[in-house]
Amino acid sequence: ASAAAMLCTVPPGRHCPPQSAAPEGVPCAGGFACAGGSAEPVSCAAGFYCTLGAEGAPWEGQACPSGYYCEKGAAEPTRCSAPAGRHCPAQSRSSAGEACADGFFCAGGASAAVLCPAGSYCPASSAL
């Protein structure tokens, strides 16, 4: 049987590019997830990142950590640059982050939301 006619049976985290003669396939590129076999690589979902050799479906990448954001196709998290009054909780999808919730204040950037001090009033989007 020719290499083109062989069935691709590589494990998750690898794929067989078109016309590839390598039976072991190649590692899935950063920013993509590979289910293995003949499945095509799929762009990593927003809020997650997929390192080289990421396995499974794109939502099975690694969740973006707090203080970072991960756009669709991210190979690694990017440090949050949200303005004061906003923050990037886990699985953030953009550098703008999310508005700080009622009862919390946010310094912006990669800082986490902080509980409002006792006796203080912190409406949504507070920067304190």
N, C-alpha and C. Protein backbone atom coordinates (compact mmCIF):
# COMPACT_ATOMS: atom_id res chain seq x y z
N ALA A 1 0.84 -1.19 0.00
CA ALA A 1 0.00 0.00 0.00
C ALA A 1 0.88 1.24 0.00
N SER A 2 0.48 2.24 -0.71
CA SER A 2 1.26 3.47 -0.74
C SER A 2 1.01 4.27 0.53
N ALA A 3 1.94 5.21 0.83
CA ALA A 3 1.81 6.03 2.05
C ALA A 3 0.53 6.84 2.01
N ALA A 4 0.14 7.30 0.81
CA ALA A 4 -1.07 8.12 0.69
C ALA A 4 -2.33 7.30 1.00
N ALA A 5 -2.26 5.99 0.77
CA ALA A 5 -3.43 5.15 1.00
C ALA A 5 -3.50 4.61 2.42
N MET A 6 -2.43 4.79 3.21
CA MET A 6 -2.42 4.27 4.58
C MET A 6 -3.34 5.10 5.48
N LEU A 7 -4.00 4.41 6.37
CA LEU A 7 -4.90 5.06 7.31
C LEU A 7 -4.07 5.69 8.43
N CYS A 8 -4.33 6.93 8.74
CA CYS A 8 -3.60 7.63 9.80
C CYS A 8 -4.18 7.22 11.16
N THR A 9 -3.35 6.69 12.02
CA THR A 9 -3.82 6.22 13.33
C THR A 9 -3.01 6.82 14.47
N VAL A 10 -2.49 8.03 14.28
CA VAL A 10 -1.67 8.65 15.32
C VAL A 10 -2.51 8.99 16.56
N PRO A 11 -1.87 9.06 17.74
CA PRO A 11 -2.60 9.35 18.98
C PRO A 11 -2.97 10.84 19.09
N PRO A 12 -3.84 11.19 20.03
CA PRO A 12 -4.16 12.60 20.27
C PRO A 12 -2.88 13.41 20.52
N GLY A 13 -2.88 14.64 20.02
CA GLY A 13 -1.71 15.51 20.15
C GLY A 13 -0.84 15.48 18.90
N ARG A 14 -1.19 14.59 17.95
CA ARG A 14 -0.46 14.47 16.69
C ARG A 14 -1.47 14.43 15.55
N HIS A 15 -1.00 14.68 14.33
CA HIS A 15 -1.86 14.56 13.15
C HIS A 15 -1.01 14.18 11.95
N CYS A 16 -1.66 13.76 10.89
CA CYS A 16 -1.00 13.38 9.65
C CYS A 16 -1.32 14.45 8.60
N PRO A 17 -0.33 15.30 8.27
CA PRO A 17 -0.59 16.31 7.24
C PRO A 17 -0.89 15.64 5.89
N PRO A 18 -1.59 16.32 4.99
CA PRO A 18 -1.87 15.74 3.67
C PRO A 18 -0.57 15.33 2.98
N GLN A 19 -0.60 14.21 2.29
CA GLN A 19 0.54 13.69 1.54
C GLN A 19 1.71 13.26 2.43
N SER A 20 1.51 13.18 3.74
CA SER A 20 2.59 12.79 4.65
C SER A 20 2.85 11.30 4.54
N ALA A 21 4.13 10.93 4.50
CA ALA A 21 4.51 9.52 4.46
C ALA A 21 4.96 9.05 5.84
N ALA A 22 4.98 9.96 6.83
CA ALA A 22 5.45 9.62 8.18
C ALA A 22 4.33 8.94 8.96
N PRO A 23 4.44 7.65 9.27
CA PRO A 23 3.37 6.95 9.98
C PRO A 23 3.15 7.46 11.40
N GLU A 24 4.17 8.10 11.98
CA GLU A 24 4.03 8.63 13.35
C GLU A 24 3.41 10.02 13.37
N GLY A 25 3.14 10.60 12.18
CA GLY A 25 2.55 11.93 12.10
C GLY A 25 3.49 12.99 12.63
N VAL A 26 2.94 14.16 12.91
CA VAL A 26 3.71 15.27 13.45
C VAL A 26 2.97 15.83 14.66
N PRO A 27 3.71 16.47 15.61
CA PRO A 27 3.02 17.07 16.76
C PRO A 27 2.08 18.18 16.31
N CYS A 28 1.00 18.34 17.02
CA CYS A 28 0.05 19.41 16.76
C CYS A 28 0.77 20.74 17.03
N ALA A 29 0.62 21.71 16.15
CA ALA A 29 1.27 23.02 16.31
C ALA A 29 0.67 23.79 17.48
N GLY A 30 1.46 24.68 18.07
CA GLY A 30 0.96 25.54 19.14
C GLY A 30 -0.23 26.35 18.64
N GLY A 31 -1.25 26.52 19.48
CA GLY A 31 -2.45 27.26 19.10
C GLY A 31 -3.53 26.37 18.51
N PHE A 32 -3.21 25.09 18.36
CA PHE A 32 -4.16 24.12 17.80
C PHE A 32 -4.28 22.91 18.71
N ALA A 33 -5.38 22.19 18.58
CA ALA A 33 -5.59 20.93 19.30
C ALA A 33 -5.81 19.85 18.26
N CYS A 34 -5.30 18.65 18.55
CA CYS A 34 -5.42 17.53 17.62
C CYS A 34 -6.03 16.33 18.32
N ALA A 35 -7.09 15.81 17.73
CA ALA A 35 -7.78 14.66 18.31
C ALA A 35 -7.09 13.35 17.96
N GLY A 36 -6.13 13.39 17.05
CA GLY A 36 -5.44 12.18 16.61
C GLY A 36 -6.11 11.59 15.39
N GLY A 37 -5.54 10.48 14.90
CA GLY A 37 -6.08 9.85 13.71
C GLY A 37 -6.02 10.79 12.52
N SER A 38 -7.00 10.74 11.66
CA SER A 38 -7.01 11.57 10.45
C SER A 38 -7.68 12.92 10.66
N ALA A 39 -8.07 13.22 11.90
CA ALA A 39 -8.72 14.51 12.18
C ALA A 39 -7.76 15.67 11.93
N GLU A 40 -8.28 16.73 11.35
CA GLU A 40 -7.50 17.94 11.10
C GLU A 40 -7.28 18.71 12.40
N PRO A 41 -6.15 19.43 12.53
CA PRO A 41 -5.95 20.30 13.70
C PRO A 41 -7.05 21.36 13.75
N VAL A 42 -7.49 21.73 14.95
CA VAL A 42 -8.54 22.73 15.14
C VAL A 42 -7.98 23.85 16.00
N SER A 43 -8.27 25.09 15.64
CA SER A 43 -7.80 26.25 16.39
C SER A 43 -8.27 26.19 17.84
N CYS A 44 -7.38 26.49 18.76
CA CYS A 44 -7.72 26.47 20.20
C CYS A 44 -8.80 27.52 20.48
N ALA A 45 -9.75 27.18 21.32
CA ALA A 45 -10.87 28.07 21.64
C ALA A 45 -10.41 29.28 22.46
N ALA A 46 -11.10 30.41 22.31
CA ALA A 46 -10.83 31.60 23.11
C ALA A 46 -11.05 31.26 24.59
N GLY A 47 -10.17 31.79 25.45
CA GLY A 47 -10.24 31.51 26.89
C GLY A 47 -9.36 30.32 27.28
N PHE A 48 -8.77 29.67 26.28
CA PHE A 48 -7.89 28.53 26.48
C PHE A 48 -6.63 28.72 25.65
N TYR A 49 -5.57 27.98 25.97
CA TYR A 49 -4.38 27.98 25.13
C TYR A 49 -3.95 26.54 24.89
N CYS A 50 -3.34 26.31 23.73
CA CYS A 50 -2.93 24.98 23.32
C CYS A 50 -1.45 25.00 22.96
N THR A 51 -0.64 24.34 23.76
CA THR A 51 0.79 24.28 23.51
C THR A 51 1.09 23.25 22.43
N LEU A 52 2.33 23.18 21.99
CA LEU A 52 2.76 22.19 21.00
C LEU A 52 2.35 20.80 21.46
N GLY A 53 1.67 20.06 20.59
CA GLY A 53 1.26 18.70 20.92
C GLY A 53 -0.02 18.62 21.74
N ALA A 54 -0.83 19.70 21.75
CA ALA A 54 -2.08 19.69 22.52
C ALA A 54 -3.01 18.60 22.03
N GLU A 55 -3.65 17.92 22.96
CA GLU A 55 -4.52 16.80 22.64
C GLU A 55 -6.00 17.19 22.64
N GLY A 56 -6.78 16.46 21.87
CA GLY A 56 -8.24 16.54 21.95
C GLY A 56 -8.85 17.73 21.24
N ALA A 57 -10.06 18.03 21.67
CA ALA A 57 -10.83 19.12 21.09
C ALA A 57 -10.29 20.46 21.58
N PRO A 58 -10.56 21.56 20.84
CA PRO A 58 -9.98 22.86 21.21
C PRO A 58 -10.39 23.36 22.59
N TRP A 59 -11.53 22.94 23.09
CA TRP A 59 -11.95 23.38 24.43
C TRP A 59 -11.27 22.53 25.50
N GLU A 60 -10.48 21.55 25.10
CA GLU A 60 -9.75 20.73 26.05
C GLU A 60 -8.32 21.22 26.22
N GLY A 61 -8.00 22.39 25.67
CA GLY A 61 -6.69 23.00 25.90
C GLY A 61 -6.61 23.37 27.38
N GLN A 62 -5.60 24.10 27.74
CA GLN A 62 -5.46 24.52 29.13
C GLN A 62 -6.21 25.84 29.34
N ALA A 63 -6.96 25.92 30.43
CA ALA A 63 -7.71 27.15 30.73
C ALA A 63 -6.75 28.30 30.97
N CYS A 64 -7.04 29.43 30.41
CA CYS A 64 -6.22 30.61 30.59
C CYS A 64 -6.26 31.00 32.08
N PRO A 65 -5.10 31.23 32.71
CA PRO A 65 -5.10 31.55 34.14
C PRO A 65 -5.53 32.98 34.44
N SER A 66 -5.90 33.22 35.66
CA SER A 66 -6.26 34.56 36.12
C SER A 66 -5.07 35.49 35.91
N GLY A 67 -5.34 36.73 35.47
CA GLY A 67 -4.28 37.71 35.22
C GLY A 67 -3.76 37.67 33.78
N TYR A 68 -4.32 36.77 32.98
CA TYR A 68 -3.92 36.61 31.58
C TYR A 68 -5.18 36.50 30.72
N TYR A 69 -5.00 36.62 29.40
CA TYR A 69 -6.11 36.38 28.48
C TYR A 69 -5.59 35.50 27.34
N CYS A 70 -6.51 34.80 26.70
CA CYS A 70 -6.18 33.90 25.60
C CYS A 70 -7.20 34.08 24.49
N GLU A 71 -6.77 34.68 23.38
CA GLU A 71 -7.65 34.81 22.22
C GLU A 71 -7.71 33.48 21.49
N LYS A 72 -8.64 33.32 20.56
CA LYS A 72 -8.76 32.09 19.77
C LYS A 72 -7.42 31.82 19.09
N GLY A 73 -6.97 30.56 19.16
CA GLY A 73 -5.73 30.17 18.52
C GLY A 73 -4.48 30.48 19.33
N ALA A 74 -4.63 30.77 20.63
CA ALA A 74 -3.46 31.10 21.47
C ALA A 74 -2.62 29.86 21.76
N ALA A 75 -1.30 30.02 21.63
CA ALA A 75 -0.36 28.95 21.96
C ALA A 75 0.12 29.11 23.40
N GLU A 76 -0.05 30.30 23.96
CA GLU A 76 0.31 30.58 25.35
C GLU A 76 -0.48 31.78 25.84
N PRO A 77 -0.67 31.92 27.17
CA PRO A 77 -1.42 33.06 27.70
C PRO A 77 -0.66 34.38 27.52
N THR A 78 -1.40 35.47 27.40
CA THR A 78 -0.82 36.81 27.29
C THR A 78 -1.20 37.58 28.55
N ARG A 79 -0.22 38.29 29.14
CA ARG A 79 -0.46 39.05 30.37
C ARG A 79 -1.55 40.09 30.14
N CYS A 80 -2.48 40.19 31.06
CA CYS A 80 -3.61 41.10 30.97
C CYS A 80 -3.17 42.57 31.05
N SER A 81 -3.78 43.42 30.25
CA SER A 81 -3.49 44.85 30.27
C SER A 81 -4.77 45.65 30.46
N ALA A 82 -5.73 45.07 31.19
CA ALA A 82 -7.02 45.74 31.41
C ALA A 82 -6.82 47.05 32.18
N PRO A 83 -7.63 48.06 31.89
CA PRO A 83 -7.54 49.33 32.62
C PRO A 83 -8.10 49.20 34.04
N ALA A 84 -7.84 50.19 34.87
CA ALA A 84 -8.38 50.21 36.23
C ALA A 84 -9.91 50.05 36.16
N GLY A 85 -10.46 49.28 37.10
CA GLY A 85 -11.89 49.02 37.13
C GLY A 85 -12.25 47.73 36.39
N ARG A 86 -11.23 47.09 35.79
CA ARG A 86 -11.44 45.84 35.06
C ARG A 86 -10.35 44.86 35.48
N HIS A 87 -10.58 43.57 35.19
CA HIS A 87 -9.59 42.53 35.50
C HIS A 87 -9.78 41.37 34.53
N CYS A 88 -8.80 40.46 34.52
CA CYS A 88 -8.86 39.27 33.67
C CYS A 88 -8.96 38.04 34.56
N PRO A 89 -10.19 37.56 34.82
CA PRO A 89 -10.32 36.32 35.60
C PRO A 89 -9.90 35.13 34.73
N ALA A 90 -9.86 33.95 35.30
CA ALA A 90 -9.52 32.75 34.53
C ALA A 90 -10.41 32.65 33.30
N GLN A 91 -9.87 32.19 32.21
CA GLN A 91 -10.54 31.99 30.92
C GLN A 91 -10.92 33.30 30.23
N SER A 92 -10.20 34.39 30.55
CA SER A 92 -10.46 35.66 29.85
C SER A 92 -10.11 35.51 28.38
N ARG A 93 -10.87 36.21 27.53
CA ARG A 93 -10.71 36.08 26.08
C ARG A 93 -10.11 37.29 25.41
N SER A 94 -9.98 38.42 26.13
CA SER A 94 -9.41 39.62 25.50
C SER A 94 -8.65 40.45 26.52
N SER A 95 -7.77 41.33 26.02
CA SER A 95 -6.94 42.18 26.88
C SER A 95 -7.78 43.17 27.68
N ALA A 96 -9.03 43.44 27.24
CA ALA A 96 -9.91 44.37 27.95
C ALA A 96 -10.43 43.77 29.25
N GLY A 97 -10.37 42.44 29.39
CA GLY A 97 -10.86 41.79 30.61
C GLY A 97 -12.34 41.99 30.80
N GLU A 98 -12.76 41.94 32.06
CA GLU A 98 -14.16 42.10 32.42
C GLU A 98 -14.29 43.20 33.48
N ALA A 99 -15.46 43.83 33.54
CA ALA A 99 -15.71 44.85 34.55
C ALA A 99 -15.66 44.23 35.94
N CYS A 100 -15.10 44.95 36.88
CA CYS A 100 -15.05 44.50 38.27
C CYS A 100 -16.48 44.41 38.79
N ALA A 101 -16.79 43.36 39.53
CA ALA A 101 -18.14 43.14 40.05
C ALA A 101 -18.45 44.04 41.25
N ASP A 102 -19.75 44.22 41.52
CA ASP A 102 -20.17 44.96 42.72
C ASP A 102 -19.49 44.34 43.95
N GLY A 103 -19.02 45.19 44.86
CA GLY A 103 -18.41 44.72 46.10
C GLY A 103 -16.92 44.44 45.98
N PHE A 104 -16.35 44.69 44.79
CA PHE A 104 -14.91 44.48 44.56
C PHE A 104 -14.33 45.72 43.90
N PHE A 105 -13.00 45.86 43.98
CA PHE A 105 -12.33 46.89 43.19
C PHE A 105 -11.18 46.23 42.43
N CYS A 106 -10.82 46.84 41.30
CA CYS A 106 -9.81 46.27 40.42
C CYS A 106 -8.81 47.35 40.02
N ALA A 107 -7.54 47.06 40.24
CA ALA A 107 -6.48 48.01 39.91
C ALA A 107 -6.12 47.98 38.43
N GLY A 108 -6.60 46.98 37.71
CA GLY A 108 -6.29 46.85 36.30
C GLY A 108 -5.07 45.98 36.09
N GLY A 109 -4.65 45.86 34.82
CA GLY A 109 -3.51 45.01 34.49
C GLY A 109 -3.78 43.58 34.89
N ALA A 110 -2.75 42.90 35.39
CA ALA A 110 -2.87 41.48 35.75
C ALA A 110 -3.37 41.29 37.19
N SER A 111 -3.70 42.39 37.87
CA SER A 111 -4.17 42.30 39.26
C SER A 111 -5.54 41.63 39.34
N ALA A 112 -5.73 40.88 40.42
CA ALA A 112 -7.02 40.21 40.65
C ALA A 112 -8.01 41.19 41.27
N ALA A 113 -9.30 40.87 41.18
CA ALA A 113 -10.34 41.65 41.85
C ALA A 113 -10.14 41.46 43.36
N VAL A 114 -10.30 42.55 44.11
CA VAL A 114 -10.10 42.53 45.56
C VAL A 114 -11.40 42.92 46.24
N LEU A 115 -11.76 42.19 47.29
CA LEU A 115 -12.98 42.48 48.05
C LEU A 115 -12.90 43.90 48.61
N CYS A 116 -13.98 44.63 48.48
CA CYS A 116 -14.04 46.01 48.95
C CYS A 116 -13.84 46.04 50.47
N PRO A 117 -13.04 46.99 50.99
CA PRO A 117 -12.82 47.06 52.44
C PRO A 117 -14.13 47.27 53.21
N ALA A 118 -14.20 46.74 54.41
CA ALA A 118 -15.38 46.91 55.27
C ALA A 118 -15.70 48.39 55.43
N GLY A 119 -16.96 48.74 55.31
CA GLY A 119 -17.40 50.13 55.46
C GLY A 119 -17.26 50.95 54.19
N SER A 120 -16.78 50.34 53.13
CA SER A 120 -16.62 51.05 51.84
C SER A 120 -17.69 50.59 50.87
N TYR A 121 -17.97 51.44 49.89
CA TYR A 121 -18.93 51.08 48.85
C TYR A 121 -18.17 50.97 47.53
N CYS A 122 -18.24 49.83 46.89
CA CYS A 122 -17.57 49.59 45.62
C CYS A 122 -18.58 49.12 44.58
N PRO A 123 -19.14 50.04 43.78
CA PRO A 123 -20.05 49.61 42.71
C PRO A 123 -19.25 48.92 41.61
N ALA A 124 -19.95 48.32 40.66
CA ALA A 124 -19.29 47.65 39.53
C ALA A 124 -18.29 48.58 38.87
N SER A 125 -17.19 48.04 38.40
CA SER A 125 -16.11 48.77 37.70
C SER A 125 -15.31 49.70 38.60
N SER A 126 -15.34 49.45 39.93
CA SER A 126 -14.58 50.31 40.85
C SER A 126 -13.08 50.08 40.71
N ALA A 127 -12.33 51.17 40.78
CA ALA A 127 -10.88 51.11 40.73
C ALA A 127 -10.28 51.44 42.09
N LEU A 128 -11.06 52.04 42.97
CA LEU A 128 -10.69 52.46 44.32
C LEU A 128 -9.36 53.10 44.39
